[in-house]
N, C-alpha and C. Protein backbone atom coordinates (compact mmCIF):
# COMPACT_ATOMS: atom_id res chain seq x y z
N UNK A 1 0.85 -1.17 0.00
CA UNK A 1 0.00 0.00 0.00
C UNK A 1 0.90 1.23 0.00
N UNK A 2 0.46 2.27 -0.66
CA UNK A 2 1.17 3.54 -0.69
C UNK A 2 0.50 4.52 0.26
N UNK A 3 1.28 5.24 1.03
CA UNK A 3 0.77 6.24 1.96
C UNK A 3 1.22 7.60 1.45
N UNK A 4 0.26 8.48 1.23
CA UNK A 4 0.54 9.81 0.72
C UNK A 4 0.43 10.81 1.86
N UNK A 5 1.36 11.73 1.92
CA UNK A 5 1.33 12.75 2.97
C UNK A 5 0.10 13.63 2.82
N UNK A 6 -0.23 14.31 3.88
CA UNK A 6 -1.41 15.17 3.93
C UNK A 6 -1.40 16.20 2.81
N UNK A 7 -0.23 16.75 2.50
CA UNK A 7 -0.15 17.78 1.46
C UNK A 7 0.13 17.21 0.08
N UNK A 8 0.27 15.88 -0.03
CA UNK A 8 0.46 15.22 -1.32
C UNK A 8 1.88 15.23 -1.84
N UNK A 9 2.84 15.70 -1.06
CA UNK A 9 4.21 15.79 -1.56
C UNK A 9 5.06 14.55 -1.31
N UNK A 10 4.62 13.65 -0.43
CA UNK A 10 5.38 12.43 -0.13
C UNK A 10 4.56 11.20 -0.45
N UNK A 11 5.21 10.19 -1.03
CA UNK A 11 4.60 8.91 -1.38
C UNK A 11 5.47 7.84 -0.74
N UNK A 12 4.91 7.15 0.29
CA UNK A 12 5.70 6.29 1.16
C UNK A 12 5.16 4.86 1.12
N UNK A 13 6.02 3.85 0.98
CA UNK A 13 5.55 2.47 1.04
C UNK A 13 5.23 2.08 2.49
N UNK A 14 3.99 1.73 2.76
CA UNK A 14 3.53 1.41 4.11
C UNK A 14 4.39 0.32 4.75
N UNK A 15 4.75 -0.68 3.98
CA UNK A 15 5.43 -1.85 4.51
C UNK A 15 6.86 -1.57 4.97
N UNK A 16 7.45 -0.46 4.55
CA UNK A 16 8.85 -0.18 4.85
C UNK A 16 9.08 0.89 5.90
N UNK A 17 8.01 1.41 6.48
CA UNK A 17 8.16 2.51 7.43
C UNK A 17 7.32 2.27 8.69
N UNK A 18 7.71 2.96 9.75
CA UNK A 18 6.94 2.99 10.98
C UNK A 18 6.28 4.36 11.05
N UNK A 19 4.99 4.37 11.35
CA UNK A 19 4.22 5.61 11.45
C UNK A 19 3.93 5.87 12.93
N UNK A 20 4.21 7.09 13.37
CA UNK A 20 4.07 7.43 14.79
C UNK A 20 3.46 8.82 14.94
N UNK A 21 2.86 9.04 16.13
CA UNK A 21 2.31 10.36 16.47
C UNK A 21 3.29 11.04 17.41
N UNK A 22 3.62 12.29 17.11
CA UNK A 22 4.53 13.06 17.95
C UNK A 22 3.75 13.79 19.04
N UNK A 23 4.45 14.41 19.97
CA UNK A 23 3.79 15.13 21.06
C UNK A 23 3.02 16.35 20.57
N UNK A 24 3.37 16.87 19.39
CA UNK A 24 2.65 18.03 18.86
C UNK A 24 1.61 17.63 17.80
N UNK A 25 1.13 16.37 17.87
CA UNK A 25 0.03 15.85 17.04
C UNK A 25 0.36 15.76 15.56
N UNK A 26 1.62 15.55 15.23
CA UNK A 26 2.02 15.30 13.86
C UNK A 26 2.19 13.80 13.68
N UNK A 27 2.01 13.34 12.46
CA UNK A 27 2.28 11.94 12.14
C UNK A 27 3.56 11.93 11.32
N UNK A 28 4.50 11.08 11.75
CA UNK A 28 5.78 10.97 11.08
C UNK A 28 5.95 9.56 10.54
N UNK A 29 6.77 9.45 9.51
CA UNK A 29 7.17 8.17 8.95
C UNK A 29 8.67 8.05 9.15
N UNK A 30 9.11 6.92 9.68
CA UNK A 30 10.53 6.73 9.96
C UNK A 30 10.93 5.31 9.63
N UNK A 31 12.12 5.15 9.06
CA UNK A 31 12.67 3.82 8.82
C UNK A 31 13.48 3.37 10.01
N UNK A 32 13.96 4.31 10.81
CA UNK A 32 14.85 4.01 11.91
C UNK A 32 14.31 4.67 13.16
N UNK A 33 13.81 3.88 14.11
CA UNK A 33 13.24 4.44 15.32
C UNK A 33 14.26 5.12 16.21
N UNK A 34 15.54 4.91 15.93
CA UNK A 34 16.59 5.56 16.71
C UNK A 34 17.10 6.82 16.00
N UNK A 35 16.30 7.36 15.09
CA UNK A 35 16.72 8.54 14.32
C UNK A 35 16.79 9.77 15.20
N UNK A 36 17.58 10.73 14.74
CA UNK A 36 17.70 12.00 15.47
C UNK A 36 16.42 12.82 15.29
N UNK A 37 16.16 13.79 16.16
CA UNK A 37 14.97 14.63 16.01
C UNK A 37 14.90 15.31 14.66
N UNK A 38 16.05 15.70 14.09
CA UNK A 38 16.04 16.34 12.78
C UNK A 38 15.53 15.39 11.70
N UNK A 39 15.93 14.13 11.76
CA UNK A 39 15.48 13.14 10.79
C UNK A 39 13.99 12.86 10.95
N UNK A 40 13.52 12.81 12.19
CA UNK A 40 12.11 12.57 12.42
C UNK A 40 11.27 13.75 11.93
N UNK A 41 11.76 14.97 12.15
CA UNK A 41 11.04 16.14 11.69
C UNK A 41 10.89 16.11 10.17
N UNK A 42 11.93 15.68 9.47
CA UNK A 42 11.86 15.61 8.00
C UNK A 42 10.86 14.56 7.54
N UNK A 43 10.50 13.64 8.42
CA UNK A 43 9.57 12.59 8.06
C UNK A 43 8.13 12.92 8.37
N UNK A 44 7.83 14.17 8.72
CA UNK A 44 6.46 14.55 9.06
C UNK A 44 5.58 14.47 7.82
N UNK A 45 4.47 13.74 7.95
CA UNK A 45 3.60 13.58 6.79
C UNK A 45 2.18 14.08 7.01
N UNK A 46 1.84 14.42 8.25
CA UNK A 46 0.51 14.97 8.54
C UNK A 46 0.56 15.73 9.85
N UNK A 47 -0.35 16.69 10.00
CA UNK A 47 -0.41 17.48 11.22
C UNK A 47 -1.87 17.71 11.59
N UNK A 48 -2.19 17.52 12.87
CA UNK A 48 -3.57 17.64 13.34
C UNK A 48 -3.65 18.58 14.54
N UNK A 49 -4.81 19.14 14.74
CA UNK A 49 -5.00 20.13 15.80
C UNK A 49 -5.18 19.50 17.18
N UNK A 50 -5.41 18.20 17.24
CA UNK A 50 -5.58 17.54 18.53
C UNK A 50 -5.04 16.11 18.46
N UNK A 51 -4.73 15.57 19.62
CA UNK A 51 -4.27 14.18 19.70
C UNK A 51 -5.36 13.23 19.23
N UNK A 52 -6.61 13.54 19.54
CA UNK A 52 -7.73 12.68 19.14
C UNK A 52 -7.82 12.57 17.61
N UNK A 53 -7.62 13.69 16.91
CA UNK A 53 -7.66 13.65 15.44
C UNK A 53 -6.48 12.86 14.88
N UNK A 54 -5.31 13.02 15.48
CA UNK A 54 -4.15 12.26 15.03
C UNK A 54 -4.37 10.76 15.25
N UNK A 55 -4.93 10.40 16.39
CA UNK A 55 -5.23 8.99 16.67
C UNK A 55 -6.27 8.45 15.69
N UNK A 56 -7.27 9.24 15.36
CA UNK A 56 -8.30 8.82 14.40
C UNK A 56 -7.68 8.61 13.02
N UNK A 57 -6.77 9.50 12.60
CA UNK A 57 -6.10 9.34 11.31
C UNK A 57 -5.26 8.07 11.28
N UNK A 58 -4.58 7.77 12.38
CA UNK A 58 -3.80 6.53 12.45
C UNK A 58 -4.72 5.31 12.40
N UNK A 59 -5.86 5.39 13.05
CA UNK A 59 -6.84 4.31 12.99
C UNK A 59 -7.33 4.10 11.56
N UNK A 60 -7.55 5.18 10.84
CA UNK A 60 -7.97 5.09 9.44
C UNK A 60 -6.90 4.39 8.60
N UNK A 61 -5.64 4.72 8.86
CA UNK A 61 -4.53 4.08 8.15
C UNK A 61 -4.51 2.58 8.42
N UNK A 62 -4.63 2.19 9.68
CA UNK A 62 -4.62 0.76 10.04
C UNK A 62 -5.81 0.02 9.41
N UNK A 63 -6.98 0.61 9.49
CA UNK A 63 -8.17 -0.04 8.93
C UNK A 63 -8.04 -0.22 7.42
N UNK A 64 -7.45 0.77 6.77
CA UNK A 64 -7.24 0.65 5.32
C UNK A 64 -6.32 -0.52 5.02
N UNK A 65 -5.23 -0.65 5.78
CA UNK A 65 -4.30 -1.75 5.57
C UNK A 65 -4.96 -3.10 5.83
N UNK A 66 -5.83 -3.17 6.83
CA UNK A 66 -6.49 -4.42 7.17
C UNK A 66 -7.61 -4.79 6.20
N UNK A 67 -7.93 -3.91 5.30
CA UNK A 67 -8.93 -4.22 4.29
C UNK A 67 -10.32 -3.71 4.60
N UNK A 68 -10.46 -2.93 5.66
CA UNK A 68 -11.75 -2.36 5.98
C UNK A 68 -11.92 -1.07 5.20
N UNK A 69 -13.11 -0.83 4.69
CA UNK A 69 -13.37 0.45 4.04
C UNK A 69 -13.38 1.54 5.10
N UNK A 70 -12.76 2.64 4.79
CA UNK A 70 -12.69 3.77 5.71
C UNK A 70 -13.34 4.96 5.03
N UNK A 71 -14.37 5.50 5.65
CA UNK A 71 -15.05 6.65 5.08
C UNK A 71 -14.64 7.91 5.82
N UNK A 72 -14.55 9.00 5.10
CA UNK A 72 -14.33 10.30 5.69
C UNK A 72 -15.04 11.32 4.82
N UNK A 73 -14.96 12.56 5.15
CA UNK A 73 -15.79 13.59 4.53
C UNK A 73 -15.75 13.60 3.00
N UNK A 74 -14.57 13.43 2.41
CA UNK A 74 -14.46 13.56 0.95
C UNK A 74 -14.19 12.24 0.22
N UNK A 75 -14.45 11.09 0.84
CA UNK A 75 -14.23 9.85 0.13
C UNK A 75 -14.02 8.67 1.05
N UNK A 76 -13.40 7.61 0.52
CA UNK A 76 -13.10 6.43 1.32
C UNK A 76 -11.89 5.72 0.73
N UNK A 77 -11.32 4.81 1.52
CA UNK A 77 -10.16 4.05 1.09
C UNK A 77 -10.42 2.56 1.31
N UNK A 78 -9.74 1.74 0.51
CA UNK A 78 -9.77 0.29 0.68
C UNK A 78 -8.35 -0.24 0.66
N UNK A 79 -8.15 -1.46 1.18
CA UNK A 79 -6.82 -2.07 1.26
C UNK A 79 -6.14 -2.17 -0.10
N UNK A 80 -4.81 -2.11 -0.04
CA UNK A 80 -3.93 -2.29 -1.19
C UNK A 80 -4.13 -1.23 -2.27
N UNK A 81 -4.39 -0.05 -1.82
CA UNK A 81 -4.47 1.07 -2.73
C UNK A 81 -3.65 2.20 -2.14
N UNK A 82 -4.03 3.39 -2.41
CA UNK A 82 -3.33 4.56 -1.90
C UNK A 82 -4.13 5.17 -0.76
N UNK A 83 -3.46 5.44 0.36
CA UNK A 83 -4.09 6.12 1.48
C UNK A 83 -3.42 7.47 1.63
N UNK A 84 -4.20 8.54 1.55
CA UNK A 84 -3.65 9.87 1.81
C UNK A 84 -4.22 10.36 3.13
N UNK A 85 -3.34 10.84 4.00
CA UNK A 85 -3.81 11.34 5.27
C UNK A 85 -4.77 12.50 5.03
N UNK A 86 -5.95 12.45 5.64
CA UNK A 86 -6.93 13.51 5.43
C UNK A 86 -6.52 14.81 6.10
N UNK A 87 -7.10 15.90 5.62
CA UNK A 87 -6.87 17.21 6.23
C UNK A 87 -7.45 17.20 7.64
N UNK A 88 -7.00 18.12 8.46
CA UNK A 88 -7.44 18.22 9.84
C UNK A 88 -8.96 18.30 9.94
N UNK A 89 -9.59 19.08 9.08
CA UNK A 89 -11.04 19.25 9.18
C UNK A 89 -11.84 18.09 8.59
N UNK A 90 -11.17 17.09 8.02
CA UNK A 90 -11.85 15.92 7.48
C UNK A 90 -11.88 14.75 8.45
N UNK A 91 -11.18 14.87 9.57
CA UNK A 91 -11.10 13.78 10.54
C UNK A 91 -12.23 13.91 11.54
């Protein structure tokens, strides 16, 4: 599955990265969990106004990978396709 950043500028293979939520409600993609803060910052792929929205976006990503249809304001996703992190107001 391909994961597209919130702004559409990054295209990341789901299977090769770890996706995490930072303390400031951003979602990052990292190949190395022992990366420096600068490397993690460069891996930011989405930003949300609250922890709850970031958690919901991560849940949407997992459900898409597991093959569950995920609906949100402007569409839906299914497994083995492209998942783009939704905008803050779409979560």
